[in-house]
Amino acid sequence: MIAIGSPTAFNTLTSLGTTAILSSYMCSIGCVTWRRLTNKPLLPSKFSLGKWGLFINIVSMLFLIIAFVFSFFPPSRNPTPALMNWNILIWGCSVIGSLIYYVAVARKRYVGPVEYVRKLD
């Protein structure tokens, strides 16, 4: 129904989904890459990339950063407001709002999964 009402809104929402997936991949791969670069142990897993793991993580991060930046570009040169990609505004407001909420409320209340599991033991 959104596509029928406003193609701009539909394009923004689909682009926002792409950006959200890219940013979640960047967070997870970035954490694993950081652990590998600082020589900290990773959790045991059933699958390992072996000695190629760090190289593959770095290459994937470079690709994700490029794709992430290009996901904010408008579909054509010199766009009108109707053709503009408003994804950057929505994504930026979501990130800023989340950070404000975390600093104001959540950092005092949030208990991470490790502490939660330790409490169950």
Protein backbone atom coordinates (compact mmCIF):
# COMPACT_ATOMS: atom_id res chain seq x y z
CA MET A 1 0.00 0.00 0.00
CA ILE A 2 2.94 2.33 0.63
CA ALA A 3 4.07 1.89 -2.98
CA ILE A 4 0.63 2.94 -4.21
CA GLY A 5 0.50 6.01 -1.94
CA SER A 6 4.01 7.34 -2.38
CA PRO A 7 6.84 5.85 -4.41
CA THR A 8 9.26 8.12 -2.51
CA ALA A 9 8.18 6.62 0.83
CA PHE A 10 8.46 3.09 -0.57
CA ASN A 11 11.95 3.72 -1.96
CA THR A 12 13.04 5.26 1.34
CA LEU A 13 11.77 2.30 3.37
CA THR A 14 13.41 -0.29 1.13
CA SER A 15 16.65 1.68 1.14
CA LEU A 16 16.44 1.94 4.94
CA GLY A 17 16.15 -1.84 5.15
CA THR A 18 19.29 -2.20 3.07
CA THR A 19 21.14 0.29 5.25
CA ALA A 20 20.01 -1.45 8.43
CA ILE A 21 21.26 -4.83 7.19
CA LEU A 22 24.59 -3.34 6.10
CA SER A 23 25.10 -1.59 9.44
CA SER A 24 24.29 -4.77 11.40
CA TYR A 25 26.79 -6.73 9.29
CA MET A 26 29.37 -4.00 9.88
CA CYS A 27 28.85 -4.23 13.65
CA SER A 28 29.17 -8.00 13.85
CA ILE A 29 32.07 -8.37 11.41
CA GLY A 30 33.77 -5.33 12.93
CA CYS A 31 33.66 -6.90 16.41
CA VAL A 32 35.17 -10.16 15.13
CA THR A 33 37.83 -8.23 13.18
CA TRP A 34 38.70 -6.20 16.30
CA ARG A 35 39.09 -9.39 18.35
CA ARG A 36 41.35 -10.88 15.68
CA LEU A 37 43.49 -7.72 15.40
CA THR A 38 43.99 -7.48 19.17
CA ASN A 39 44.74 -11.24 19.45
CA LYS A 40 41.89 -11.82 21.87
CA PRO A 41 40.28 -15.26 21.78
CA LEU A 42 37.05 -15.79 19.89
CA LEU A 43 34.25 -17.96 21.20
CA PRO A 44 34.46 -21.57 20.03
CA SER A 45 32.44 -22.27 16.90
CA LYS A 46 31.67 -25.12 14.53
CA PHE A 47 32.97 -23.19 11.51
CA SER A 48 36.27 -21.35 11.15
CA LEU A 49 37.87 -19.46 8.28
CA GLY A 50 41.29 -20.47 9.58
CA LYS A 51 44.27 -18.33 8.66
CA TRP A 52 42.21 -16.51 6.00
CA GLY A 53 39.68 -15.27 8.54
CA LEU A 54 41.26 -11.88 9.25
CA PHE A 55 41.84 -11.17 5.55
CA ILE A 56 38.26 -12.08 4.65
CA ASN A 57 36.92 -9.95 7.54
CA ILE A 58 38.94 -6.91 6.43
CA VAL A 59 37.90 -7.27 2.78
CA SER A 60 34.25 -7.69 3.77
CA MET A 61 34.44 -4.60 6.01
CA LEU A 62 35.88 -2.54 3.15
CA PHE A 63 33.10 -3.72 0.84
CA LEU A 64 30.42 -3.04 3.47
CA ILE A 65 31.71 0.48 4.13
CA ILE A 66 31.58 1.31 0.41
CA ALA A 67 28.10 -0.20 0.01
CA PHE A 68 26.92 1.59 3.17
CA VAL A 69 28.04 4.99 1.87
CA PHE A 70 26.48 4.42 -1.55
CA SER A 71 23.18 3.33 -0.01
CA PHE A 72 22.59 6.97 0.97
CA PHE A 73 23.03 8.36 -2.54
CA PRO A 74 19.97 9.52 -4.53
CA PRO A 75 18.99 7.46 -7.58
CA SER A 76 19.90 10.20 -10.09
CA ARG A 77 21.92 13.39 -10.38
CA ASN A 78 20.32 16.64 -9.23
CA PRO A 79 17.28 15.01 -7.61
CA THR A 80 14.09 16.82 -6.81
CA PRO A 81 12.72 16.47 -3.26
CA ALA A 82 10.41 13.72 -4.54
CA LEU A 83 13.35 11.73 -5.94
CA MET A 84 15.75 12.38 -3.08
CA ASN A 85 16.89 9.47 -0.94
CA TRP A 86 15.74 10.48 2.54
CA ASN A 87 17.35 7.40 4.04
CA ILE A 88 20.23 9.35 5.61
CA LEU A 89 17.82 11.55 7.56
CA ILE A 90 15.79 8.63 8.93
CA TRP A 91 18.84 6.47 9.70
CA GLY A 92 20.71 9.37 11.30
CA CYS A 93 17.75 10.35 13.49
CA SER A 94 17.34 6.72 14.58
CA VAL A 95 21.01 6.44 15.54
CA ILE A 96 21.06 9.79 17.37
CA GLY A 97 17.80 8.96 19.16
CA SER A 98 19.16 5.55 20.18
CA LEU A 99 22.36 7.08 21.52
CA ILE A 100 20.45 9.69 23.51
CA TYR A 101 18.19 6.99 24.96
CA TYR A 102 21.18 4.82 25.86
CA VAL A 103 23.03 7.66 27.61
CA ALA A 104 19.93 8.93 29.43
CA VAL A 105 18.21 5.68 30.43
CA ALA A 106 19.49 2.37 29.13
CA ARG A 107 23.08 2.38 30.39
CA LYS A 108 21.75 2.36 33.96
CA ARG A 109 19.18 -0.38 33.35
CA TYR A 110 20.69 -2.61 30.64
CA VAL A 111 22.09 -5.93 31.78
CA GLY A 112 24.01 -7.67 29.02
CA PRO A 113 23.50 -11.32 28.11
CA VAL A 114 26.72 -12.45 29.83
CA GLU A 115 25.64 -11.04 33.19
CA TYR A 116 22.16 -12.47 32.70
CA VAL A 117 23.55 -15.96 32.05
CA ARG A 118 25.89 -15.65 35.06
CA LYS A 119 22.91 -14.79 37.27
CA LEU A 120 21.14 -17.98 36.15
CA ASP A 121 24.08 -20.18 37.20
